Amino acid sequence: MLLANAVLLQGVLCEENVRGVRFNIHDVTLHTDAIHRGGGQIIPTTRRVLYACMLTASPRILEPIYLVEIQCPEQAVGGIYGVLNRRRGHVFEESKVAGAPMFIVKAYLPVNESFGFTADLRSSTGGQAFPQCVFDHWQILPGDPFEPTTKPFGVVQETRKRKGLSESVPPLDKYLDKL
């Protein structure tokens, strides 16, 4: 299914890679003439069908998430929580280093919120916190990318504008067969 792979490399929302999608093809009826069964006839039709399937399946935007490990003294922990809360971060572990007055805070932080994170963290903790970020997983960005008041809608609009695409996601009827 090489064509499905090509469609998944350029999704319908903003021509980005698509993850977590499977297409189940239950039935195909091809023309009896071999001349009408070539790639020039099948590929564009299949591409339209797969894009229409994605549009009708309530697509969502995934965002990359960092695992952040922050080392700091005990008095700086409050500042860390403040910075992470402002940036949609989520602390999932806090531990004290044995034999030292240091704490290790582990949190998840969206990559999009990480720009300027180190400077913000250092200013909030008086330079006592030392973060280390590494990619950990993908997470669904809450909200509907078709609803104008949501963050995913803004992400789609910004990405489409950056790539020089039309401002709005193509409507479903663009992918319907025209007889």
N, C-alpha and C. Protein backbone atom coordinates (compact mmCIF):
# COMPACT_ATOMS: atom_id res chain seq x y z
N MET A 1 0.84 -1.18 0.00
CA MET A 1 0.00 0.00 0.00
C MET A 1 0.89 1.24 0.00
N LEU A 2 1.67 1.38 -1.03
CA LEU A 2 2.60 2.49 -1.16
C LEU A 2 1.88 3.83 -1.22
N LEU A 3 0.70 3.89 -1.83
CA LEU A 3 -0.03 5.14 -1.94
C LEU A 3 -0.48 5.65 -0.57
N ALA A 4 -0.95 4.75 0.29
CA ALA A 4 -1.36 5.15 1.64
C ALA A 4 -0.18 5.77 2.38
N ASN A 5 1.01 5.22 2.19
CA ASN A 5 2.20 5.79 2.83
C ASN A 5 2.47 7.20 2.31
N ALA A 6 2.28 7.44 1.02
CA ALA A 6 2.48 8.77 0.46
C ALA A 6 1.46 9.75 1.03
N VAL A 7 0.22 9.31 1.22
CA VAL A 7 -0.83 10.16 1.79
C VAL A 7 -0.50 10.48 3.25
N LEU A 8 0.07 9.51 3.98
CA LEU A 8 0.39 9.72 5.38
C LEU A 8 1.57 10.66 5.58
N LEU A 9 2.38 10.84 4.56
CA LEU A 9 3.50 11.79 4.65
C LEU A 9 3.03 13.23 4.50
N GLN A 10 1.86 13.42 3.87
CA GLN A 10 1.30 14.76 3.71
C GLN A 10 -0.18 14.69 4.04
N GLY A 11 -0.50 14.85 5.31
CA GLY A 11 -1.89 14.79 5.77
C GLY A 11 -2.72 15.94 5.22
N VAL A 12 -4.02 15.81 5.39
CA VAL A 12 -4.96 16.74 4.79
C VAL A 12 -5.04 18.08 5.54
N LEU A 13 -4.75 18.11 6.85
CA LEU A 13 -4.91 19.35 7.62
C LEU A 13 -3.84 20.39 7.26
N CYS A 14 -2.57 19.99 7.32
CA CYS A 14 -1.51 20.97 7.05
C CYS A 14 -0.29 20.33 6.39
N GLU A 15 -0.52 19.24 5.67
CA GLU A 15 0.53 18.55 4.92
C GLU A 15 1.72 18.16 5.80
N GLU A 16 1.42 17.68 6.99
CA GLU A 16 2.43 17.16 7.91
C GLU A 16 2.26 15.65 8.01
N ASN A 17 3.27 14.97 8.56
CA ASN A 17 3.19 13.53 8.76
C ASN A 17 1.97 13.18 9.61
N VAL A 18 1.36 12.05 9.29
CA VAL A 18 0.18 11.57 10.01
C VAL A 18 0.60 10.35 10.82
N ARG A 19 0.12 10.28 12.07
CA ARG A 19 0.46 9.16 12.96
C ARG A 19 -0.81 8.51 13.47
N GLY A 20 -0.73 7.22 13.75
CA GLY A 20 -1.85 6.53 14.38
C GLY A 20 -3.06 6.37 13.49
N VAL A 21 -2.86 6.21 12.19
CA VAL A 21 -3.97 6.07 11.25
C VAL A 21 -3.83 4.76 10.50
N ARG A 22 -4.95 4.08 10.33
CA ARG A 22 -4.97 2.85 9.54
C ARG A 22 -6.17 2.93 8.61
N PHE A 23 -5.98 2.56 7.37
CA PHE A 23 -7.07 2.53 6.40
C PHE A 23 -7.45 1.08 6.15
N ASN A 24 -8.71 0.74 6.35
CA ASN A 24 -9.22 -0.60 6.05
C ASN A 24 -9.99 -0.51 4.73
N ILE A 25 -9.47 -1.14 3.71
CA ILE A 25 -10.15 -1.15 2.41
C ILE A 25 -10.94 -2.45 2.32
N HIS A 26 -12.26 -2.32 2.28
CA HIS A 26 -13.13 -3.50 2.29
C HIS A 26 -13.49 -3.99 0.89
N ASP A 27 -13.58 -3.08 -0.07
CA ASP A 27 -14.01 -3.50 -1.39
C ASP A 27 -13.49 -2.51 -2.42
N VAL A 28 -13.07 -3.03 -3.55
CA VAL A 28 -12.61 -2.19 -4.66
C VAL A 28 -13.17 -2.79 -5.94
N THR A 29 -13.73 -1.95 -6.76
CA THR A 29 -14.20 -2.39 -8.07
C THR A 29 -13.42 -1.62 -9.12
N LEU A 30 -12.67 -2.34 -9.93
CA LEU A 30 -11.85 -1.73 -10.97
C LEU A 30 -12.53 -1.90 -12.32
N HIS A 31 -12.19 -1.02 -13.23
CA HIS A 31 -12.73 -1.07 -14.58
C HIS A 31 -12.27 -2.35 -15.27
N THR A 32 -13.10 -2.89 -16.13
CA THR A 32 -12.76 -4.15 -16.80
C THR A 32 -11.65 -3.96 -17.83
N ASP A 33 -11.56 -2.77 -18.44
CA ASP A 33 -10.50 -2.49 -19.41
C ASP A 33 -9.18 -2.21 -18.70
N ALA A 34 -8.12 -2.87 -19.11
CA ALA A 34 -6.81 -2.68 -18.49
C ALA A 34 -6.30 -1.25 -18.66
N ILE A 35 -6.70 -0.60 -19.72
CA ILE A 35 -6.24 0.76 -20.00
C ILE A 35 -6.72 1.74 -18.93
N HIS A 36 -7.83 1.42 -18.27
CA HIS A 36 -8.41 2.29 -17.23
C HIS A 36 -7.99 1.88 -15.83
N ARG A 37 -7.05 0.95 -15.71
CA ARG A 37 -6.61 0.49 -14.40
C ARG A 37 -5.17 0.90 -14.10
N GLY A 38 -4.65 1.87 -14.79
CA GLY A 38 -3.27 2.32 -14.57
C GLY A 38 -3.17 3.27 -13.38
N GLY A 39 -1.93 3.57 -13.01
CA GLY A 39 -1.68 4.46 -11.88
C GLY A 39 -2.28 5.85 -12.07
N GLY A 40 -2.32 6.32 -13.31
CA GLY A 40 -2.89 7.64 -13.59
C GLY A 40 -4.36 7.74 -13.26
N GLN A 41 -5.07 6.62 -13.28
CA GLN A 41 -6.49 6.60 -12.94
C GLN A 41 -6.71 6.25 -11.46
N ILE A 42 -5.91 5.35 -10.95
CA ILE A 42 -6.14 4.84 -9.59
C ILE A 42 -5.58 5.76 -8.51
N ILE A 43 -4.39 6.29 -8.71
CA ILE A 43 -3.73 7.07 -7.66
C ILE A 43 -4.50 8.33 -7.27
N PRO A 44 -4.91 9.18 -8.20
CA PRO A 44 -5.66 10.38 -7.78
C PRO A 44 -6.97 10.06 -7.08
N THR A 45 -7.66 9.04 -7.55
CA THR A 45 -8.93 8.65 -6.92
C THR A 45 -8.69 8.14 -5.51
N THR A 46 -7.70 7.29 -5.35
CA THR A 46 -7.40 6.74 -4.03
C THR A 46 -6.96 7.84 -3.07
N ARG A 47 -6.16 8.76 -3.55
CA ARG A 47 -5.71 9.87 -2.70
C ARG A 47 -6.90 10.68 -2.21
N ARG A 48 -7.85 11.00 -3.09
CA ARG A 48 -9.05 11.75 -2.68
C ARG A 48 -9.85 10.98 -1.64
N VAL A 49 -9.99 9.67 -1.85
CA VAL A 49 -10.75 8.84 -0.91
C VAL A 49 -10.08 8.85 0.47
N LEU A 50 -8.76 8.69 0.51
CA LEU A 50 -8.06 8.64 1.79
C LEU A 50 -8.10 9.99 2.51
N TYR A 51 -7.98 11.09 1.75
CA TYR A 51 -8.09 12.41 2.37
C TYR A 51 -9.50 12.63 2.93
N ALA A 52 -10.51 12.22 2.18
CA ALA A 52 -11.89 12.35 2.66
C ALA A 52 -12.10 11.52 3.92
N CYS A 53 -11.52 10.34 3.96
CA CYS A 53 -11.61 9.50 5.17
C CYS A 53 -11.00 10.21 6.37
N MET A 54 -9.85 10.83 6.16
CA MET A 54 -9.19 11.54 7.28
C MET A 54 -10.04 12.72 7.75
N LEU A 55 -10.63 13.45 6.82
CA LEU A 55 -11.44 14.60 7.21
C LEU A 55 -12.69 14.19 7.99
N THR A 56 -13.27 13.06 7.67
CA THR A 56 -14.51 12.64 8.34
C THR A 56 -14.24 11.85 9.63
N ALA A 57 -12.98 11.61 9.96
CA ALA A 57 -12.64 10.79 11.12
C ALA A 57 -12.26 11.61 12.35
N SER A 58 -12.66 12.87 12.42
CA SER A 58 -12.32 13.74 13.56
C SER A 58 -10.82 13.78 13.81
N PRO A 59 -10.03 14.30 12.88
CA PRO A 59 -8.58 14.32 13.06
C PRO A 59 -8.17 15.24 14.21
N ARG A 60 -7.03 14.96 14.79
CA ARG A 60 -6.49 15.75 15.89
C ARG A 60 -5.02 16.06 15.61
N ILE A 61 -4.51 17.07 16.29
CA ILE A 61 -3.12 17.47 16.14
C ILE A 61 -2.31 16.86 17.29
N LEU A 62 -1.16 16.27 16.95
CA LEU A 62 -0.25 15.75 17.96
C LEU A 62 0.88 16.75 18.16
N GLU A 63 1.30 16.89 19.42
CA GLU A 63 2.45 17.76 19.69
C GLU A 63 3.53 16.95 20.38
N PRO A 64 4.80 17.25 20.08
CA PRO A 64 5.90 16.54 20.74
C PRO A 64 6.05 17.02 22.18
N ILE A 65 6.41 16.09 23.07
CA ILE A 65 6.54 16.38 24.49
C ILE A 65 7.96 16.03 24.96
N TYR A 66 8.58 16.96 25.67
CA TYR A 66 9.89 16.72 26.28
C TYR A 66 9.72 16.11 27.67
N LEU A 67 10.65 15.25 28.02
CA LEU A 67 10.85 14.85 29.41
C LEU A 67 11.90 15.80 29.94
N VAL A 68 11.55 16.57 30.97
CA VAL A 68 12.47 17.55 31.54
C VAL A 68 12.91 17.06 32.91
N GLU A 69 14.21 17.00 33.12
CA GLU A 69 14.76 16.65 34.43
C GLU A 69 15.49 17.88 34.95
N ILE A 70 15.04 18.37 36.11
CA ILE A 70 15.58 19.61 36.67
C ILE A 70 16.22 19.30 38.02
N GLN A 71 17.48 19.71 38.18
CA GLN A 71 18.18 19.57 39.45
C GLN A 71 18.23 20.94 40.11
N CYS A 72 17.88 20.96 41.42
CA CYS A 72 17.85 22.24 42.12
C CYS A 72 17.89 22.02 43.62
N PRO A 73 18.24 23.06 44.40
CA PRO A 73 18.13 22.95 45.85
C PRO A 73 16.66 23.05 46.26
N GLU A 74 16.37 22.65 47.49
CA GLU A 74 14.99 22.57 47.98
C GLU A 74 14.24 23.89 47.87
N GLN A 75 14.90 25.01 48.16
CA GLN A 75 14.21 26.30 48.16
C GLN A 75 13.81 26.77 46.76
N ALA A 76 14.32 26.15 45.71
CA ALA A 76 14.01 26.57 44.34
C ALA A 76 12.85 25.77 43.73
N VAL A 77 12.35 24.75 44.42
CA VAL A 77 11.31 23.87 43.86
C VAL A 77 10.03 24.65 43.53
N GLY A 78 9.65 25.60 44.39
CA GLY A 78 8.44 26.39 44.14
C GLY A 78 8.49 27.17 42.84
N GLY A 79 9.64 27.74 42.55
CA GLY A 79 9.82 28.48 41.29
C GLY A 79 9.70 27.58 40.08
N ILE A 80 10.15 26.35 40.21
CA ILE A 80 10.06 25.38 39.11
C ILE A 80 8.60 25.09 38.79
N TYR A 81 7.80 24.84 39.83
CA TYR A 81 6.38 24.56 39.63
C TYR A 81 5.68 25.73 38.94
N GLY A 82 6.02 26.95 39.35
CA GLY A 82 5.41 28.14 38.74
C GLY A 82 5.70 28.23 37.25
N VAL A 83 6.96 28.04 36.88
CA VAL A 83 7.35 28.12 35.46
C VAL A 83 6.68 27.01 34.67
N LEU A 84 6.67 25.80 35.19
CA LEU A 84 6.06 24.68 34.46
C LEU A 84 4.56 24.88 34.29
N ASN A 85 3.88 25.41 35.30
CA ASN A 85 2.44 25.65 35.18
C ASN A 85 2.12 26.70 34.12
N ARG A 86 2.94 27.74 34.02
CA ARG A 86 2.73 28.77 33.00
C ARG A 86 2.92 28.22 31.59
N ARG A 87 3.70 27.16 31.47
CA ARG A 87 4.05 26.62 30.15
C ARG A 87 3.40 25.27 29.86
N ARG A 88 2.31 24.98 30.48
CA ARG A 88 1.55 23.74 30.28
C ARG A 88 2.37 22.49 30.64
N GLY A 89 3.33 22.63 31.54
CA GLY A 89 4.13 21.50 31.99
C GLY A 89 3.40 20.70 33.06
N HIS A 90 3.83 19.45 33.25
CA HIS A 90 3.18 18.56 34.20
C HIS A 90 4.25 17.79 34.97
N VAL A 91 4.37 18.08 36.27
CA VAL A 91 5.36 17.38 37.11
C VAL A 91 4.80 16.00 37.46
N PHE A 92 5.60 14.96 37.26
CA PHE A 92 5.14 13.61 37.59
C PHE A 92 6.04 12.92 38.62
N GLU A 93 7.18 13.52 38.95
CA GLU A 93 8.05 12.92 39.96
C GLU A 93 8.93 13.99 40.58
N GLU A 94 9.08 13.88 41.89
CA GLU A 94 9.97 14.77 42.62
C GLU A 94 10.70 13.92 43.65
N SER A 95 12.03 13.96 43.63
CA SER A 95 12.78 13.12 44.57
C SER A 95 13.98 13.89 45.12
N LYS A 96 14.36 13.54 46.32
CA LYS A 96 15.51 14.15 46.98
C LYS A 96 16.73 13.28 46.70
N VAL A 97 17.84 13.94 46.41
CA VAL A 97 19.09 13.23 46.18
C VAL A 97 19.67 12.84 47.53
N ALA A 98 19.95 11.55 47.70
CA ALA A 98 20.48 11.05 48.98
C ALA A 98 21.85 11.66 49.26
N GLY A 99 22.01 12.19 50.47
CA GLY A 99 23.31 12.72 50.88
C GLY A 99 23.62 14.10 50.35
N ALA A 100 22.66 14.77 49.74
CA ALA A 100 22.89 16.11 49.20
C ALA A 100 21.62 16.94 49.37
N PRO A 101 21.77 18.23 49.49
CA PRO A 101 20.57 19.08 49.65
C PRO A 101 19.93 19.43 48.30
N MET A 102 19.88 18.48 47.40
CA MET A 102 19.36 18.71 46.05
C MET A 102 18.09 17.90 45.81
N PHE A 103 17.24 18.44 44.95
CA PHE A 103 16.04 17.76 44.51
C PHE A 103 16.13 17.53 43.01
N ILE A 104 15.50 16.47 42.55
CA ILE A 104 15.36 16.22 41.11
C ILE A 104 13.86 16.22 40.81
N VAL A 105 13.45 17.12 39.94
CA VAL A 105 12.05 17.23 39.52
C VAL A 105 11.97 16.74 38.09
N LYS A 106 11.06 15.80 37.82
CA LYS A 106 10.84 15.30 36.46
C LYS A 106 9.46 15.75 36.01
N ALA A 107 9.39 16.26 34.79
CA ALA A 107 8.13 16.79 34.28
C ALA A 107 8.05 16.57 32.77
N TYR A 108 6.83 16.68 32.26
CA TYR A 108 6.60 16.68 30.82
C TYR A 108 6.32 18.12 30.40
N LEU A 109 6.92 18.54 29.29
CA LEU A 109 6.77 19.90 28.80
C LEU A 109 6.59 19.87 27.29
N PRO A 110 5.51 20.47 26.75
CA PRO A 110 5.37 20.53 25.30
C PRO A 110 6.55 21.26 24.67
N VAL A 111 7.06 20.72 23.59
CA VAL A 111 8.23 21.30 22.92
C VAL A 111 7.94 22.75 22.52
N ASN A 112 6.74 23.03 22.09
CA ASN A 112 6.37 24.39 21.67
C ASN A 112 6.48 25.39 22.82
N GLU A 113 6.36 24.92 24.04
CA GLU A 113 6.44 25.79 25.22
C GLU A 113 7.87 25.87 25.77
N SER A 114 8.81 25.17 25.16
CA SER A 114 10.16 25.09 25.71
C SER A 114 11.07 26.23 25.27
N PHE A 115 10.64 27.02 24.30
CA PHE A 115 11.49 28.11 23.83
C PHE A 115 11.57 29.20 24.90
N GLY A 116 12.77 29.47 25.38
CA GLY A 116 12.98 30.42 26.46
C GLY A 116 12.76 29.83 27.84
N PHE A 117 12.53 28.51 27.90
CA PHE A 117 12.24 27.84 29.17
C PHE A 117 13.41 27.94 30.14
N THR A 118 14.63 27.68 29.68
CA THR A 118 15.79 27.69 30.56
C THR A 118 16.01 29.08 31.17
N ALA A 119 15.90 30.13 30.36
CA ALA A 119 16.08 31.49 30.88
C ALA A 119 14.99 31.84 31.89
N ASP A 120 13.75 31.46 31.59
CA ASP A 120 12.63 31.71 32.49
C ASP A 120 12.82 30.96 33.81
N LEU A 121 13.26 29.72 33.71
CA LEU A 121 13.49 28.89 34.90
C LEU A 121 14.61 29.47 35.77
N ARG A 122 15.68 29.87 35.13
CA ARG A 122 16.81 30.43 35.88
C ARG A 122 16.43 31.74 36.55
N SER A 123 15.64 32.57 35.89
CA SER A 123 15.24 33.84 36.51
C SER A 123 14.27 33.62 37.67
N SER A 124 13.43 32.58 37.59
CA SER A 124 12.47 32.30 38.66
C SER A 124 13.10 31.60 39.85
N THR A 125 14.27 31.00 39.66
CA THR A 125 14.91 30.26 40.75
C THR A 125 16.24 30.89 41.17
N GLY A 126 16.50 32.07 40.67
CA GLY A 126 17.77 32.72 41.03
C GLY A 126 18.98 31.98 40.47
N GLY A 127 18.83 31.32 39.35
CA GLY A 127 19.94 30.59 38.72
C GLY A 127 20.29 29.29 39.39
N GLN A 128 19.39 28.77 40.23
CA GLN A 128 19.70 27.55 40.99
C GLN A 128 19.18 26.27 40.35
N ALA A 129 18.38 26.38 39.30
CA ALA A 129 17.81 25.19 38.67
C ALA A 129 18.53 24.89 37.36
N PHE A 130 18.77 23.61 37.11
CA PHE A 130 19.49 23.19 35.92
C PHE A 130 18.66 22.15 35.17
N PRO A 131 18.01 22.55 34.07
CA PRO A 131 17.14 21.62 33.34
C PRO A 131 17.87 20.86 32.24
N GLN A 132 17.34 19.69 31.94
CA GLN A 132 17.80 18.91 30.80
C GLN A 132 16.56 18.38 30.09
N CYS A 133 16.42 18.66 28.80
CA CYS A 133 15.23 18.26 28.04
C CYS A 133 15.60 17.21 27.01
N VAL A 134 14.73 16.20 26.88
CA VAL A 134 14.91 15.16 25.87
C VAL A 134 13.52 14.75 25.38
N PHE A 135 13.39 14.49 24.07
CA PHE A 135 12.09 14.09 23.53
C PHE A 135 11.62 12.81 24.22
N ASP A 136 10.32 12.77 24.57
CA ASP A 136 9.78 11.58 25.24
C ASP A 136 8.64 10.94 24.47
N HIS A 137 7.64 11.71 24.06
CA HIS A 137 6.48 11.11 23.39
C HIS A 137 5.67 12.17 22.65
N TRP A 138 4.65 11.70 21.92
CA TRP A 138 3.68 12.58 21.25
C TRP A 138 2.40 12.57 22.08
N GLN A 139 1.71 13.71 22.09
CA GLN A 139 0.47 13.82 22.86
C GLN A 139 -0.54 14.63 22.05
N ILE A 140 -1.82 14.25 22.16
CA ILE A 140 -2.87 14.98 21.44
C ILE A 140 -3.02 16.37 22.04
N LEU A 141 -2.98 17.38 21.18
CA LEU A 141 -3.22 18.75 21.60
C LEU A 141 -4.73 18.90 21.80
N PRO A 142 -5.18 19.20 23.02
CA PRO A 142 -6.63 19.24 23.28
C PRO A 142 -7.35 20.27 22.42
N GLY A 143 -8.46 19.86 21.86
CA GLY A 143 -9.27 20.76 21.05
C GLY A 143 -9.46 20.24 19.64
N ASP A 144 -10.42 20.85 18.96
CA ASP A 144 -10.78 20.47 17.59
C ASP A 144 -10.10 21.40 16.60
N PRO A 145 -9.33 20.87 15.63
CA PRO A 145 -8.65 21.75 14.67
C PRO A 145 -9.59 22.48 13.71
N PHE A 146 -10.88 22.16 13.75
CA PHE A 146 -11.85 22.86 12.90
C PHE A 146 -12.61 23.94 13.65
N GLU A 147 -12.42 24.03 14.96
CA GLU A 147 -13.10 25.01 15.81
C GLU A 147 -12.22 26.25 15.94
N PRO A 148 -12.66 27.40 15.43
CA PRO A 148 -11.79 28.60 15.37
C PRO A 148 -11.26 29.10 16.72
N THR A 149 -11.87 28.75 17.83
CA THR A 149 -11.44 29.28 19.12
C THR A 149 -10.43 28.39 19.83
N THR A 150 -9.98 27.30 19.21
CA THR A 150 -9.10 26.35 19.88
C THR A 150 -7.64 26.53 19.45
N LYS A 151 -6.74 26.03 20.29
CA LYS A 151 -5.30 26.09 19.99
C LYS A 151 -4.94 25.25 18.75
N PRO A 152 -5.50 24.03 18.58
CA PRO A 152 -5.17 23.27 17.36
C PRO A 152 -5.54 24.00 16.07
N PHE A 153 -6.63 24.76 16.09
CA PHE A 153 -7.02 25.53 14.91
C PHE A 153 -5.91 26.54 14.58
N GLY A 154 -5.40 27.22 15.62
CA GLY A 154 -4.32 28.18 15.42
C GLY A 154 -3.05 27.52 14.90
N VAL A 155 -2.74 26.33 15.40
CA VAL A 155 -1.55 25.60 14.95
C VAL A 155 -1.69 25.25 13.47
N VAL A 156 -2.87 24.78 13.07
CA VAL A 156 -3.10 24.43 11.66
C VAL A 156 -2.97 25.68 10.79
N GLN A 157 -3.57 26.80 11.22
CA GLN A 157 -3.51 28.04 10.44
C GLN A 157 -2.07 28.52 10.29
N GLU A 158 -1.30 28.52 11.39
CA GLU A 158 0.09 28.97 11.35
C GLU A 158 0.93 28.08 10.44
N THR A 159 0.73 26.77 10.52
CA THR A 159 1.50 25.84 9.70
C THR A 159 1.17 26.01 8.23
N ARG A 160 -0.11 26.15 7.91
CA ARG A 160 -0.52 26.33 6.51
C ARG A 160 0.05 27.64 5.96
N LYS A 161 0.02 28.70 6.76
CA LYS A 161 0.55 29.99 6.32
C LYS A 161 2.06 29.90 6.08
N ARG A 162 2.78 29.25 7.02
CA ARG A 162 4.23 29.09 6.90
C ARG A 162 4.62 28.32 5.64
N LYS A 163 3.78 27.34 5.27
CA LYS A 163 4.08 26.51 4.10
C LYS A 163 3.56 27.11 2.79
N GLY A 164 2.87 28.25 2.88
CA GLY A 164 2.35 28.89 1.67
C GLY A 164 1.12 28.20 1.11
N LEU A 165 0.38 27.49 1.96
CA LEU A 165 -0.85 26.82 1.55
C LEU A 165 -2.03 27.77 1.69
N SER A 166 -3.18 27.39 1.14
CA SER A 166 -4.37 28.21 1.32
C SER A 166 -4.69 28.30 2.80
N GLU A 167 -5.34 29.39 3.19
CA GLU A 167 -5.55 29.67 4.61
C GLU A 167 -6.39 28.62 5.34
N SER A 168 -7.38 28.06 4.67
CA SER A 168 -8.26 27.12 5.34
C SER A 168 -8.02 25.69 4.85
N VAL A 169 -8.41 24.74 5.70
CA VAL A 169 -8.32 23.33 5.34
C VAL A 169 -9.29 23.08 4.19
N PRO A 170 -8.89 22.32 3.17
CA PRO A 170 -9.80 22.06 2.06
C PRO A 170 -11.11 21.42 2.55
N PRO A 171 -12.25 21.87 2.01
CA PRO A 171 -13.53 21.29 2.43
C PRO A 171 -13.67 19.86 1.92
N LEU A 172 -14.55 19.11 2.56
CA LEU A 172 -14.76 17.71 2.21
C LEU A 172 -15.20 17.55 0.76
N ASP A 173 -16.03 18.46 0.26
CA ASP A 173 -16.54 18.30 -1.11
C ASP A 173 -15.45 18.43 -2.18
N LYS A 174 -14.27 18.92 -1.82
CA LYS A 174 -13.14 18.94 -2.76
C LYS A 174 -12.71 17.52 -3.12
N TYR A 175 -12.94 16.58 -2.20
CA TYR A 175 -12.49 15.20 -2.39
C TYR A 175 -13.61 14.26 -2.82
N LEU A 176 -14.79 14.79 -3.03
CA LEU A 176 -15.89 13.94 -3.50
C LEU A 176 -15.80 13.78 -5.03
N ASP A 177 -16.22 12.60 -5.50
CA ASP A 177 -16.21 12.36 -6.95
C ASP A 177 -17.20 13.26 -7.64
N LYS A 178 -16.78 13.77 -8.78
CA LYS A 178 -17.66 14.61 -9.59
C LYS A 178 -17.96 13.85 -10.87
N LEU A 179 -19.20 13.48 -11.02
CA LEU A 179 -19.59 12.71 -12.21
C LEU A 179 -20.14 13.58 -13.30
